[in-house]
């Protein structure tokens, strides 16, 4: 094996899962034998008869990996595991992780190791990112997004901890208004401090977009029409609480939106359907009439109905924007494109 590369971050939802899969996909396109490993996951899904991390399932299918899913994802945080660990009834699962890792590495030129939410995750089990990088002899790429204050202190502290095991940092989801600042000041500063900037990836609304299917899964709702269009991508939320003339003017200005309104607002629902709307969420439990539903079906606009109020619906939808997992194919493909264009992948693989 040439190299095992750990892709981690200091904050959750930095885009490291997509970047991990993108790096593995690029290696595969180059003709390399590549493996994927998720030693510790926090998003369990049932795969066959066992719980594994969702990222491992996506990687197995995307990369057509032959390894057993239990080897790709040897430890996943369930409520049972957490309780046993806190009660001192289990020892660190590091031996199990090492055994699975060694099996994954057989005949592989590269192995991409996906980190958990952030580097400190798993410390109570003795398998934090810092532990795994050291105990599995990994090289690390850190994916980070900069907050409103553009603070880079956590990156510098991580470099001190990892030293030569840290290949560099990828700055992801950088807003257009701070791109020049990042390139002209932050990158040179990091380089002076011995932190190599491997890439700067601009913020991409399509990656933060969510599907109507995901919205429906996260709401207490039912689909009343448009089930074939649940993969529509939603980038904006609009509330239909104004008069129809004002609503129509606003709806025409905003593309790829979801409109949230009460079932009694037939005028608002029709106005939304006639513009670039990817879905309607009807609150209050009132199902629109058959004429409206027929028009929505004709225009490819799914309509879902919930008993919840508008405030609750907006809060729930906003909570999942930019925080969804990588199971959606459009995210994976777009992520690969962005990594190819903006990241020095050859430097990482060297």
C-alpha atoms as a PDB file:
ATOM      1  CA  UNK A   1       0.000   0.000   0.000  1.00  0.00           C
ATOM      2  CA  UNK A   2       1.332   3.422  -0.975  1.00  0.00           C
ATOM      3  CA  UNK A   3      -0.674   5.537   1.436  1.00  0.00           C
ATOM      4  CA  UNK A   4      -3.637   5.585   3.789  1.00  0.00           C
ATOM      5  CA  UNK A   5      -5.163   9.052   3.926  1.00  0.00           C
ATOM      6  CA  UNK A   6      -7.391  10.140   6.791  1.00  0.00           C
ATOM      7  CA  UNK A   7      -9.877  12.871   5.878  1.00  0.00           C
ATOM      8  CA  UNK A   8     -11.048  14.673   8.997  1.00  0.00           C
ATOM      9  CA  UNK A   9     -12.287  18.008  10.233  1.00  0.00           C
ATOM     10  CA  UNK A  10     -12.530  20.171  13.322  1.00  0.00           C
ATOM     11  CA  UNK A  11     -16.233  20.923  12.935  1.00  0.00           C
ATOM     12  CA  UNK A  12     -19.210  18.892  11.752  1.00  0.00           C
ATOM     13  CA  UNK A  13     -20.698  19.416   8.293  1.00  0.00           C
ATOM     14  CA  UNK A  14     -17.581  20.721   6.586  1.00  0.00           C
ATOM     15  CA  UNK A  15     -18.052  18.501   3.525  1.00  0.00           C
ATOM     16  CA  UNK A  16     -15.385  15.938   4.421  1.00  0.00           C
ATOM     17  CA  UNK A  17     -17.597  12.959   3.532  1.00  0.00           C
ATOM     18  CA  UNK A  18     -18.056  14.173  -0.029  1.00  0.00           C
ATOM     19  CA  UNK A  19     -14.376  15.085  -0.301  1.00  0.00           C
ATOM     20  CA  UNK A  20     -13.381  11.623   0.992  1.00  0.00           C
ATOM     21  CA  UNK A  21     -15.528   9.934  -1.630  1.00  0.00           C
ATOM     22  CA  UNK A  22     -14.297  12.342  -4.305  1.00  0.00           C
ATOM     23  CA  UNK A  23     -10.646  11.511  -3.563  1.00  0.00           C
ATOM     24  CA  UNK A  24     -11.398   7.780  -3.713  1.00  0.00           C
ATOM     25  CA  UNK A  25     -13.332   8.215  -6.984  1.00  0.00           C
ATOM     26  CA  UNK A  26     -10.497  10.212  -8.568  1.00  0.00           C
ATOM     27  CA  UNK A  27      -8.001   7.510  -7.611  1.00  0.00           C
ATOM     28  CA  UNK A  28     -10.231   4.868  -9.140  1.00  0.00           C
ATOM     29  CA  UNK A  29     -10.498   6.905 -12.353  1.00  0.00           C
ATOM     30  CA  UNK A  30      -6.691   6.938 -12.453  1.00  0.00           C
ATOM     31  CA  UNK A  31      -6.714   3.150 -12.433  1.00  0.00           C
ATOM     32  CA  UNK A  32      -5.459   2.784  -8.865  1.00  0.00           C
ATOM     33  CA  UNK A  33      -6.611   0.034  -6.513  1.00  0.00           C
ATOM     34  CA  UNK A  34      -8.388   2.081  -3.880  1.00  0.00           C
ATOM     35  CA  UNK A  35     -10.145   1.118  -0.681  1.00  0.00           C
ATOM     36  CA  UNK A  36     -12.424   3.030   1.645  1.00  0.00           C
ATOM     37  CA  UNK A  37     -12.585   2.714   5.426  1.00  0.00           C
ATOM     38  CA  UNK A  38     -14.919   4.310   7.974  1.00  0.00           C
ATOM     39  CA  UNK A  39     -13.465   3.155  11.302  1.00  0.00           C
ATOM     40  CA  UNK A  40     -15.951   5.003  13.489  1.00  0.00           C
ATOM     41  CA  UNK A  41     -19.325   6.220  12.304  1.00  0.00           C
ATOM     42  CA  UNK A  42     -22.103   8.172  13.977  1.00  0.00           C
ATOM     43  CA  UNK A  43     -24.892   7.774  11.427  1.00  0.00           C
ATOM     44  CA  UNK A  44     -26.013   4.148  11.675  1.00  0.00           C
ATOM     45  CA  UNK A  45     -28.195   2.624   8.974  1.00  0.00           C
ATOM     46  CA  UNK A  46     -29.409  -0.955   8.751  1.00  0.00           C
ATOM     47  CA  UNK A  47     -27.580  -2.816   5.989  1.00  0.00           C
ATOM     48  CA  UNK A  48     -28.731  -6.408   5.770  1.00  0.00           C
ATOM     49  CA  UNK A  49     -28.767  -7.608   9.353  1.00  0.00           C
ATOM     50  CA  UNK A  50     -26.278  -5.154  10.840  1.00  0.00           C
ATOM     51  CA  UNK A  51     -25.906  -1.460  11.564  1.00  0.00           C
ATOM     52  CA  UNK A  52     -23.127   0.346   9.697  1.00  0.00           C
ATOM     53  CA  UNK A  53     -22.305   3.957   8.912  1.00  0.00           C
ATOM     54  CA  UNK A  54     -24.168   5.501   5.993  1.00  0.00           C
ATOM     55  CA  UNK A  55     -20.968   6.874   4.411  1.00  0.00           C
ATOM     56  CA  UNK A  56     -19.582   3.344   4.154  1.00  0.00           C
ATOM     57  CA  UNK A  57     -22.716   2.146   2.356  1.00  0.00           C
ATOM     58  CA  UNK A  58     -22.488   4.981  -0.183  1.00  0.00           C
ATOM     59  CA  UNK A  59     -18.759   4.346  -0.736  1.00  0.00           C
ATOM     60  CA  UNK A  60     -19.253   0.607  -1.204  1.00  0.00           C
ATOM     61  CA  UNK A  61     -21.906   1.174  -3.857  1.00  0.00           C
ATOM     62  CA  UNK A  62     -20.238   4.136  -5.568  1.00  0.00           C
ATOM     63  CA  UNK A  63     -16.774   2.560  -5.746  1.00  0.00           C
ATOM     64  CA  UNK A  64     -18.055  -0.993  -6.318  1.00  0.00           C
ATOM     65  CA  UNK A  65     -15.994  -2.251  -3.384  1.00  0.00           C
ATOM     66  CA  UNK A  66     -15.864  -6.005  -2.789  1.00  0.00           C
ATOM     67  CA  UNK A  67     -14.944  -5.756   0.888  1.00  0.00           C
ATOM     68  CA  UNK A  68     -17.505  -6.864   3.451  1.00  0.00           C
ATOM     69  CA  UNK A  69     -19.525  -3.895   4.712  1.00  0.00           C
ATOM     70  CA  UNK A  70     -18.678  -4.890   8.301  1.00  0.00           C
ATOM     71  CA  UNK A  71     -14.990  -4.381   7.484  1.00  0.00           C
ATOM     72  CA  UNK A  72     -15.648  -1.025   5.827  1.00  0.00           C
ATOM     73  CA  UNK A  73     -17.537   0.152   8.925  1.00  0.00           C
ATOM     74  CA  UNK A  74     -16.368  -1.852  11.964  1.00  0.00           C
ATOM     75  CA  UNK A  75     -17.634   0.489  14.699  1.00  0.00           C
ATOM     76  CA  UNK A  76     -20.787   2.591  14.576  1.00  0.00           C
ATOM     77  CA  UNK A  77     -22.192   4.555  17.481  1.00  0.00           C
ATOM     78  CA  UNK A  78     -25.501   3.104  18.622  1.00  0.00           C
ATOM     79  CA  UNK A  79     -27.296   3.852  21.864  1.00  0.00           C
ATOM     80  CA  UNK A  80     -26.335   0.399  23.130  1.00  0.00           C
ATOM     81  CA  UNK A  81     -22.628   0.963  22.454  1.00  0.00           C
ATOM     82  CA  UNK A  82     -22.714   4.372  24.109  1.00  0.00           C
ATOM     83  CA  UNK A  83     -24.365   3.053  27.272  1.00  0.00           C
ATOM     84  CA  UNK A  84     -21.984   0.098  27.568  1.00  0.00           C
ATOM     85  CA  UNK A  85     -18.952   2.353  27.118  1.00  0.00           C
ATOM     86  CA  UNK A  86     -20.166   4.888  29.677  1.00  0.00           C
ATOM     87  CA  UNK A  87     -20.811   2.085  32.175  1.00  0.00           C
ATOM     88  CA  UNK A  88     -17.323   0.690  31.587  1.00  0.00           C
ATOM     89  CA  UNK A  89     -18.643  -2.612  30.251  1.00  0.00           C
ATOM     90  CA  UNK A  90     -16.541  -2.646  27.059  1.00  0.00           C
ATOM     91  CA  UNK A  91     -12.916  -1.927  26.259  1.00  0.00           C
ATOM     92  CA  UNK A  92     -11.688   0.240  23.410  1.00  0.00           C
ATOM     93  CA  UNK A  93     -12.615  -1.257  20.017  1.00  0.00           C
ATOM     94  CA  UNK A  94      -9.221  -0.334  18.553  1.00  0.00           C
ATOM     95  CA  UNK A  95      -8.265  -4.001  18.027  1.00  0.00           C
ATOM     96  CA  UNK A  96     -11.427  -4.561  16.000  1.00  0.00           C
ATOM     97  CA  UNK A  97     -10.662  -1.459  13.941  1.00  0.00           C
ATOM     98  CA  UNK A  98      -7.060  -2.506  13.294  1.00  0.00           C
ATOM     99  CA  UNK A  99      -8.136  -5.971  12.165  1.00  0.00           C
ATOM    100  CA  UNK A 100     -10.697  -4.541   9.736  1.00  0.00           C
ATOM    101  CA  UNK A 101      -8.217  -1.923   8.486  1.00  0.00           C
ATOM    102  CA  UNK A 102      -5.536  -4.530   7.758  1.00  0.00           C
ATOM    103  CA  UNK A 103      -8.082  -6.560   5.814  1.00  0.00           C
ATOM    104  CA  UNK A 104      -9.126  -3.510   3.768  1.00  0.00           C
ATOM    105  CA  UNK A 105      -5.500  -2.662   2.941  1.00  0.00           C
ATOM    106  CA  UNK A 106      -4.747  -6.001   1.259  1.00  0.00           C
ATOM    107  CA  UNK A 107      -3.849  -5.417  -2.416  1.00  0.00           C
ATOM    108  CA  UNK A 108      -4.845  -1.737  -2.240  1.00  0.00           C
ATOM    109  CA  UNK A 109      -2.564   1.035  -3.429  1.00  0.00           C
ATOM    110  CA  UNK A 110      -4.472   3.678  -1.475  1.00  0.00           C
ATOM    111  CA  UNK A 111      -7.047   3.651   1.288  1.00  0.00           C
ATOM    112  CA  UNK A 112      -9.196   6.681   2.029  1.00  0.00           C
ATOM    113  CA  UNK A 113     -10.166   6.749   5.700  1.00  0.00           C
ATOM    114  CA  UNK A 114     -13.281   8.774   6.463  1.00  0.00           C
ATOM    115  CA  UNK A 115     -13.309  10.623   9.763  1.00  0.00           C
ATOM    116  CA  UNK A 116     -16.288  10.997  12.087  1.00  0.00           C
ATOM    117  CA  UNK A 117     -17.972  14.361  12.689  1.00  0.00           C
ATOM    118  CA  UNK A 118     -14.752  15.937  13.969  1.00  0.00           C
ATOM    119  CA  UNK A 119     -11.338  14.818  15.195  1.00  0.00           C
ATOM    120  CA  UNK A 120     -12.298  14.597  18.853  1.00  0.00           C
ATOM    121  CA  UNK A 121     -15.194  12.227  18.130  1.00  0.00           C
ATOM    122  CA  UNK A 122     -14.708   8.785  19.666  1.00  0.00           C
ATOM    123  CA  UNK A 123     -12.335   9.926  22.401  1.00  0.00           C
ATOM    124  CA  UNK A 124     -14.485   8.266  25.060  1.00  0.00           C
ATOM    125  CA  UNK A 125     -13.898   4.962  23.238  1.00  0.00           C
ATOM    126  CA  UNK A 126     -10.175   5.569  22.730  1.00  0.00           C
ATOM    127  CA  UNK A 127     -10.668   5.961  18.983  1.00  0.00           C
ATOM    128  CA  UNK A 128     -10.718   9.710  18.343  1.00  0.00           C
ATOM    129  CA  UNK A 129      -9.386  10.922  15.026  1.00  0.00           C
ATOM    130  CA  UNK A 130      -6.104  11.768  16.714  1.00  0.00           C
ATOM    131  CA  UNK A 131      -5.915   8.219  18.135  1.00  0.00           C
ATOM    132  CA  UNK A 132      -6.680   6.581  14.802  1.00  0.00           C
ATOM    133  CA  UNK A 133      -4.189   8.668  12.828  1.00  0.00           C
ATOM    134  CA  UNK A 134      -1.439   7.606  15.225  1.00  0.00           C
ATOM    135  CA  UNK A 135      -2.430   3.971  15.821  1.00  0.00           C
ATOM    136  CA  UNK A 136      -3.156   3.187  12.164  1.00  0.00           C
ATOM    137  CA  UNK A 137      -0.122   5.162  10.920  1.00  0.00           C
ATOM    138  CA  UNK A 138      -2.160   7.495   8.711  1.00  0.00           C
ATOM    139  CA  UNK A 139      -1.498  10.753   6.912  1.00  0.00           C
ATOM    140  CA  UNK A 140      -4.217  13.373   7.431  1.00  0.00           C
ATOM    141  CA  UNK A 141      -6.000  15.889   5.251  1.00  0.00           C
ATOM    142  CA  UNK A 142      -8.064  18.340   7.268  1.00  0.00           C
ATOM    143  CA  UNK A 143     -11.199  19.800   5.701  1.00  0.00           C
ATOM    144  CA  UNK A 144     -12.324  23.048   7.245  1.00  0.00           C
ATOM    145  CA  UNK A 145     -14.843  25.760   6.609  1.00  0.00           C
ATOM    146  CA  UNK A 146     -14.210  29.233   7.955  1.00  0.00           C
ATOM    147  CA  UNK A 147     -16.792  30.848  10.209  1.00  0.00           C
ATOM    148  CA  UNK A 148     -17.901  34.455  10.013  1.00  0.00           C
ATOM    149  CA  UNK A 149     -14.750  35.645  11.785  1.00  0.00           C
ATOM    150  CA  UNK A 150     -12.487  33.617   9.473  1.00  0.00           C
ATOM    151  CA  UNK A 151     -10.721  32.108  12.475  1.00  0.00           C
ATOM    152  CA  UNK A 152      -7.901  29.673  11.679  1.00  0.00           C
ATOM    153  CA  UNK A 153      -6.725  28.988  15.235  1.00  0.00           C
ATOM    154  CA  UNK A 154      -8.145  25.417  15.285  1.00  0.00           C
ATOM    155  CA  UNK A 155      -6.188  24.569  12.126  1.00  0.00           C
ATOM    156  CA  UNK A 156      -2.931  25.768  13.679  1.00  0.00           C
ATOM    157  CA  UNK A 157      -3.574  23.829  16.894  1.00  0.00           C
ATOM    158  CA  UNK A 158      -4.304  20.679  14.879  1.00  0.00           C
ATOM    159  CA  UNK A 159      -1.023  21.097  13.008  1.00  0.00           C
ATOM    160  CA  UNK A 160       0.805  21.262  16.347  1.00  0.00           C
ATOM    161  CA  UNK A 161      -0.857  18.030  17.453  1.00  0.00           C
ATOM    162  CA  UNK A 162      -0.451  16.061  14.222  1.00  0.00           C
ATOM    163  CA  UNK A 163       2.889  17.537  13.127  1.00  0.00           C
ATOM    164  CA  UNK A 164       4.210  15.782   9.998  1.00  0.00           C
ATOM    165  CA  UNK A 165       1.212  13.475   9.849  1.00  0.00           C
ATOM    166  CA  UNK A 166      -0.891  16.400   8.603  1.00  0.00           C
ATOM    167  CA  UNK A 167      -0.533  16.720   4.821  1.00  0.00           C
ATOM    168  CA  UNK A 168      -2.432  19.993   4.722  1.00  0.00           C
ATOM    169  CA  UNK A 169      -5.816  21.651   4.829  1.00  0.00           C
ATOM    170  CA  UNK A 170      -8.672  22.017   2.343  1.00  0.00           C
ATOM    171  CA  UNK A 171     -10.799  25.099   2.937  1.00  0.00           C
ATOM    172  CA  UNK A 172     -14.330  24.274   1.852  1.00  0.00           C
ATOM    173  CA  UNK A 173     -17.618  26.135   1.363  1.00  0.00           C
ATOM    174  CA  UNK A 174     -15.935  29.533   1.087  1.00  0.00           C
ATOM    175  CA  UNK A 175     -18.403  32.342   0.366  1.00  0.00           C
ATOM    176  CA  UNK A 176     -17.718  34.559  -2.698  1.00  0.00           C
ATOM    177  CA  UNK A 177     -17.465  37.714  -0.595  1.00  0.00           C
ATOM    178  CA  UNK A 178     -14.473  36.399   1.381  1.00  0.00           C
ATOM    179  CA  UNK A 179     -12.712  34.444  -1.374  1.00  0.00           C
ATOM    180  CA  UNK A 180     -10.147  37.192  -2.090  1.00  0.00           C
ATOM    181  CA  UNK A 181      -9.439  37.607   1.625  1.00  0.00           C
ATOM    182  CA  UNK A 182      -8.843  33.879   1.975  1.00  0.00           C
ATOM    183  CA  UNK A 183      -6.540  33.656  -1.043  1.00  0.00           C
ATOM    184  CA  UNK A 184      -4.575  36.833  -0.387  1.00  0.00           C
ATOM    185  CA  UNK A 185      -4.181  36.712   3.401  1.00  0.00           C
ATOM    186  CA  UNK A 186      -5.199  33.442   5.011  1.00  0.00           C
ATOM    187  CA  UNK A 187      -3.490  31.048   2.599  1.00  0.00           C
ATOM    188  CA  UNK A 188      -0.085  32.833   2.716  1.00  0.00           C
ATOM    189  CA  UNK A 189      -0.341  33.021   6.511  1.00  0.00           C
ATOM    190  CA  UNK A 190      -1.053  29.293   6.806  1.00  0.00           C
ATOM    191  CA  UNK A 191       1.865  28.493   4.524  1.00  0.00           C
ATOM    192  CA  UNK A 192       4.201  30.562   6.711  1.00  0.00           C
ATOM    193  CA  UNK A 193       3.025  28.555   9.709  1.00  0.00           C
ATOM    194  CA  UNK A 194       3.862  25.287   7.979  1.00  0.00           C
ATOM    195  CA  UNK A 195       0.272  24.416   7.045  1.00  0.00           C
ATOM    196  CA  UNK A 196      -0.017  23.611   3.355  1.00  0.00           C
ATOM    197  CA  UNK A 197      -3.225  24.802   1.714  1.00  0.00           C
ATOM    198  CA  UNK A 198      -4.284  21.957  -0.580  1.00  0.00           C
ATOM    199  CA  UNK A 199      -7.277  23.730  -2.028  1.00  0.00           C
ATOM    200  CA  UNK A 200      -9.990  26.329  -1.617  1.00  0.00           C
ATOM    201  CA  UNK A 201     -13.451  25.146  -2.645  1.00  0.00           C
ATOM    202  CA  UNK A 202     -16.105  27.818  -3.202  1.00  0.00           C
ATOM    203  CA  UNK A 203     -19.515  27.521  -1.611  1.00  0.00           C
ATOM    204  CA  UNK A 204     -21.898  25.699  -3.944  1.00  0.00           C
ATOM    205  CA  UNK A 205     -25.659  26.073  -3.345  1.00  0.00           C
ATOM    206  CA  UNK A 206     -26.394  22.772  -5.107  1.00  0.00           C
ATOM    207  CA  UNK A 207     -24.489  20.870  -2.424  1.00  0.00           C
ATOM    208  CA  UNK A 208     -26.496  22.489   0.348  1.00  0.00           C
ATOM    209  CA  UNK A 209     -29.704  21.857  -1.589  1.00  0.00           C
ATOM    210  CA  UNK A 210     -32.046  19.224  -0.260  1.00  0.00           C
ATOM    211  CA  UNK A 211     -34.583  17.067  -2.052  1.00  0.00           C
ATOM    212  CA  UNK A 212     -38.305  17.027  -1.489  1.00  0.00           C
ATOM    213  CA  UNK A 213     -37.837  13.427  -0.424  1.00  0.00           C
ATOM    214  CA  UNK A 214     -35.513  14.524   2.404  1.00  0.00           C
ATOM    215  CA  UNK A 215     -37.944  17.246   3.412  1.00  0.00           C
ATOM    216  CA  UNK A 216     -40.798  14.754   3.556  1.00  0.00           C
ATOM    217  CA  UNK A 217     -38.685  12.331   5.605  1.00  0.00           C
ATOM    218  CA  UNK A 218     -37.936  15.045   8.147  1.00  0.00           C
ATOM    219  CA  UNK A 219     -41.499  16.330   8.499  1.00  0.00           C
ATOM    220  CA  UNK A 220     -44.574  14.753   9.973  1.00  0.00           C
ATOM    221  CA  UNK A 221     -46.188  14.842   6.531  1.00  0.00           C
ATOM    222  CA  UNK A 222     -47.820  12.806   3.781  1.00  0.00           C
ATOM    223  CA  UNK A 223     -47.432  13.030   0.000  1.00  0.00           C
ATOM    224  CA  UNK A 224     -50.700  13.926  -1.732  1.00  0.00           C
ATOM    225  CA  UNK A 225     -49.353  14.304  -5.271  1.00  0.00           C
ATOM    226  CA  UNK A 226     -46.098  14.339  -7.239  1.00  0.00           C
ATOM    227  CA  UNK A 227     -44.419  11.275  -5.747  1.00  0.00           C
ATOM    228  CA  UNK A 228     -42.409  10.864  -8.963  1.00  0.00           C
ATOM    229  CA  UNK A 229     -40.812  14.288  -8.410  1.00  0.00           C
ATOM    230  CA  UNK A 230     -39.526  13.890  -4.863  1.00  0.00           C
ATOM    231  CA  UNK A 231     -35.912  14.159  -6.076  1.00  0.00           C
ATOM    232  CA  UNK A 232     -36.476  17.808  -7.039  1.00  0.00           C
ATOM    233  CA  UNK A 233     -33.697  19.927  -5.522  1.00  0.00           C
ATOM    234  CA  UNK A 234     -34.698  22.740  -3.188  1.00  0.00           C
ATOM    235  CA  UNK A 235     -32.347  25.665  -2.527  1.00  0.00           C
ATOM    236  CA  UNK A 236     -34.657  28.286  -0.994  1.00  0.00           C
ATOM    237  CA  UNK A 237     -37.602  28.446   1.399  1.00  0.00           C
ATOM    238  CA  UNK A 238     -40.476  30.874   0.869  1.00  0.00           C
ATOM    239  CA  UNK A 239     -43.571  31.376   3.025  1.00  0.00           C
ATOM    240  CA  UNK A 240     -46.835  32.096   1.230  1.00  0.00           C
ATOM    241  CA  UNK A 241     -48.500  34.475   3.666  1.00  0.00           C
ATOM    242  CA  UNK A 242     -48.993  37.578   1.517  1.00  0.00           C
ATOM    243  CA  UNK A 243     -51.565  38.620  -1.076  1.00  0.00           C
ATOM    244  CA  UNK A 244     -51.408  36.660  -4.320  1.00  0.00           C
ATOM    245  CA  UNK A 245     -50.218  39.578  -6.485  1.00  0.00           C
ATOM    246  CA  UNK A 246     -47.223  40.250  -4.223  1.00  0.00           C
ATOM    247  CA  UNK A 247     -46.566  36.518  -3.942  1.00  0.00           C
ATOM    248  CA  UNK A 248     -46.458  36.050  -7.693  1.00  0.00           C
ATOM    249  CA  UNK A 249     -43.886  38.853  -8.097  1.00  0.00           C
ATOM    250  CA  UNK A 250     -41.665  37.285  -5.433  1.00  0.00           C
ATOM    251  CA  UNK A 251     -42.104  33.717  -6.670  1.00  0.00           C
ATOM    252  CA  UNK A 252     -40.952  34.710 -10.165  1.00  0.00           C
ATOM    253  CA  UNK A 253     -37.683  36.074  -8.749  1.00  0.00           C
ATOM    254  CA  UNK A 254     -36.661  32.964  -6.812  1.00  0.00           C
ATOM    255  CA  UNK A 255     -35.756  29.692  -8.493  1.00  0.00           C
ATOM    256  CA  UNK A 256     -35.579  26.167  -7.061  1.00  0.00           C
ATOM    257  CA  UNK A 257     -37.708  27.057  -4.058  1.00  0.00           C
ATOM    258  CA  UNK A 258     -40.151  25.354  -1.771  1.00  0.00           C
ATOM    259  CA  UNK A 259     -43.292  27.259  -0.789  1.00  0.00           C
ATOM    260  CA  UNK A 260     -44.861  26.735   2.630  1.00  0.00           C
ATOM    261  CA  UNK A 261     -48.458  27.847   3.061  1.00  0.00           C
ATOM    262  CA  UNK A 262     -51.819  26.887   4.529  1.00  0.00           C
ATOM    263  CA  UNK A 263     -54.182  24.571   2.672  1.00  0.00           C
ATOM    264  CA  UNK A 264     -56.823  27.299   2.510  1.00  0.00           C
ATOM    265  CA  UNK A 265     -54.504  29.480   0.355  1.00  0.00           C
ATOM    266  CA  UNK A 266     -55.422  27.978  -3.008  1.00  0.00           C
ATOM    267  CA  UNK A 267     -54.422  31.227  -4.732  1.00  0.00           C
ATOM    268  CA  UNK A 268     -50.897  31.099  -3.271  1.00  0.00           C
ATOM    269  CA  UNK A 269     -50.471  27.409  -4.117  1.00  0.00           C
ATOM    270  CA  UNK A 270     -51.502  27.982  -7.749  1.00  0.00           C
ATOM    271  CA  UNK A 271     -49.179  30.995  -8.038  1.00  0.00           C
ATOM    272  CA  UNK A 272     -46.283  28.912  -6.723  1.00  0.00           C
ATOM    273  CA  UNK A 273     -47.015  26.035  -9.089  1.00  0.00           C
ATOM    274  CA  UNK A 274     -46.832  28.351 -12.105  1.00  0.00           C
ATOM    275  CA  UNK A 275     -43.298  29.527 -11.221  1.00  0.00           C
ATOM    276  CA  UNK A 276     -39.990  27.743 -10.641  1.00  0.00           C
ATOM    277  CA  UNK A 277     -41.172  25.866  -7.555  1.00  0.00           C
ATOM    278  CA  UNK A 278     -39.774  22.457  -6.623  1.00  0.00           C
ATOM    279  CA  UNK A 279     -42.362  21.581  -4.000  1.00  0.00           C
ATOM    280  CA  UNK A 280     -45.255  22.760  -1.859  1.00  0.00           C
ATOM    281  CA  UNK A 281     -45.597  22.103   1.867  1.00  0.00           C
ATOM    282  CA  UNK A 282     -49.159  22.626   3.028  1.00  0.00           C
ATOM    283  CA  UNK A 283     -49.506  23.245   6.767  1.00  0.00           C
ATOM    284  CA  UNK A 284     -52.488  22.839   9.049  1.00  0.00           C
ATOM    285  CA  UNK A 285     -53.508  19.446   7.663  1.00  0.00           C
ATOM    286  CA  UNK A 286     -55.779  20.857   4.935  1.00  0.00           C
ATOM    287  CA  UNK A 287     -55.443  18.982   1.629  1.00  0.00           C
ATOM    288  CA  UNK A 288     -55.793  21.202  -1.478  1.00  0.00           C
ATOM    289  CA  UNK A 289     -58.647  20.473  -3.874  1.00  0.00           C
ATOM    290  CA  UNK A 290     -58.368  18.053  -6.782  1.00  0.00           C
ATOM    291  CA  UNK A 291     -57.957  20.779  -9.417  1.00  0.00           C
ATOM    292  CA  UNK A 292     -54.871  22.156  -7.655  1.00  0.00           C
ATOM    293  CA  UNK A 293     -53.398  18.698  -7.156  1.00  0.00           C
ATOM    294  CA  UNK A 294     -53.928  17.854 -10.836  1.00  0.00           C
ATOM    295  CA  UNK A 295     -52.149  21.057 -11.900  1.00  0.00           C
ATOM    296  CA  UNK A 296     -49.274  20.348  -9.503  1.00  0.00           C
ATOM    297  CA  UNK A 297     -48.897  16.839 -10.922  1.00  0.00           C
ATOM    298  CA  UNK A 298     -48.942  18.238 -14.451  1.00  0.00           C
ATOM    299  CA  UNK A 299     -46.193  20.744 -13.595  1.00  0.00           C
ATOM    300  CA  UNK A 300     -44.060  18.189 -11.714  1.00  0.00           C
ATOM    301  CA  UNK A 301     -44.466  19.905  -8.349  1.00  0.00           C
ATOM    302  CA  UNK A 302     -44.855  17.513  -5.402  1.00  0.00           C
ATOM    303  CA  UNK A 303     -47.275  18.551  -2.686  1.00  0.00           C
ATOM    304  CA  UNK A 304     -46.943  17.303   0.886  1.00  0.00           C
ATOM    305  CA  UNK A 305     -49.341  18.016   3.728  1.00  0.00           C
ATOM    306  CA  UNK A 306     -48.520  18.245   7.423  1.00  0.00           C
ATOM    307  CA  UNK A 307     -50.575  18.955  10.535  1.00  0.00           C
ATOM    308  CA  UNK A 308     -47.757  21.116  11.904  1.00  0.00           C
ATOM    309  CA  UNK A 309     -47.813  24.909  11.840  1.00  0.00           C
ATOM    310  CA  UNK A 310     -45.718  27.025   9.483  1.00  0.00           C
ATOM    311  CA  UNK A 311     -43.167  28.050  12.127  1.00  0.00           C
ATOM    312  CA  UNK A 312     -42.447  24.414  13.052  1.00  0.00           C
ATOM    313  CA  UNK A 313     -42.131  23.378   9.400  1.00  0.00           C
ATOM    314  CA  UNK A 314     -39.730  26.210   8.545  1.00  0.00           C
ATOM    315  CA  UNK A 315     -37.602  25.440  11.604  1.00  0.00           C
ATOM    316  CA  UNK A 316     -37.325  21.751  10.703  1.00  0.00           C
ATOM    317  CA  UNK A 317     -36.467  22.376   7.064  1.00  0.00           C
ATOM    318  CA  UNK A 318     -33.879  25.047   7.876  1.00  0.00           C
ATOM    319  CA  UNK A 319     -32.231  22.658  10.336  1.00  0.00           C
ATOM    320  CA  UNK A 320     -31.338  20.188   7.563  1.00  0.00           C
ATOM    321  CA  UNK A 321     -30.050  22.629   4.913  1.00  0.00           C
ATOM    322  CA  UNK A 322     -26.340  21.969   4.399  1.00  0.00           C
ATOM    323  CA  UNK A 323     -26.389  19.102   6.913  1.00  0.00           C
ATOM    324  CA  UNK A 324     -27.630  16.197   4.845  1.00  0.00           C
ATOM    325  CA  UNK A 325     -25.527  13.127   4.165  1.00  0.00           C
ATOM    326  CA  UNK A 326     -23.941  12.070   0.879  1.00  0.00           C
ATOM    327  CA  UNK A 327     -26.473   9.455  -0.216  1.00  0.00           C
ATOM    328  CA  UNK A 328     -27.857  11.715  -2.948  1.00  0.00           C
ATOM    329  CA  UNK A 329     -26.008  11.033  -6.279  1.00  0.00           C
ATOM    330  CA  UNK A 330     -26.092  14.684  -7.352  1.00  0.00           C
ATOM    331  CA  UNK A 331     -24.043  15.667  -4.296  1.00  0.00           C
ATOM    332  CA  UNK A 332     -21.435  13.017  -4.933  1.00  0.00           C
ATOM    333  CA  UNK A 333     -20.995  13.950  -8.594  1.00  0.00           C
ATOM    334  CA  UNK A 334     -20.866  17.675  -7.912  1.00  0.00           C
ATOM    335  CA  UNK A 335     -18.412  17.101  -5.085  1.00  0.00           C
ATOM    336  CA  UNK A 336     -16.073  15.201  -7.401  1.00  0.00           C
ATOM    337  CA  UNK A 337     -16.211  18.031  -9.935  1.00  0.00           C
ATOM    338  CA  UNK A 338     -15.381  20.658  -7.307  1.00  0.00           C
ATOM    339  CA  UNK A 339     -12.486  18.657  -5.859  1.00  0.00           C
ATOM    340  CA  UNK A 340     -10.987  18.070  -9.313  1.00  0.00           C
ATOM    341  CA  UNK A 341     -11.183  21.768 -10.124  1.00  0.00           C
ATOM    342  CA  UNK A 342     -10.110  23.308  -6.814  1.00  0.00           C
ATOM    343  CA  UNK A 343      -7.916  20.824  -4.919  1.00  0.00           C
ATOM    344  CA  UNK A 344      -4.313  19.805  -5.574  1.00  0.00           C
ATOM    345  CA  UNK A 345      -5.126  16.104  -5.525  1.00  0.00           C
ATOM    346  CA  UNK A 346      -1.734  15.080  -6.926  1.00  0.00           C
ATOM    347  CA  UNK A 347      -0.053  16.715  -3.941  1.00  0.00           C
ATOM    348  CA  UNK A 348      -2.283  14.702  -1.572  1.00  0.00           C
ATOM    349  CA  UNK A 349      -1.510  11.437  -3.343  1.00  0.00           C
ATOM    350  CA  UNK A 350       2.250  12.019  -3.487  1.00  0.00           C
END
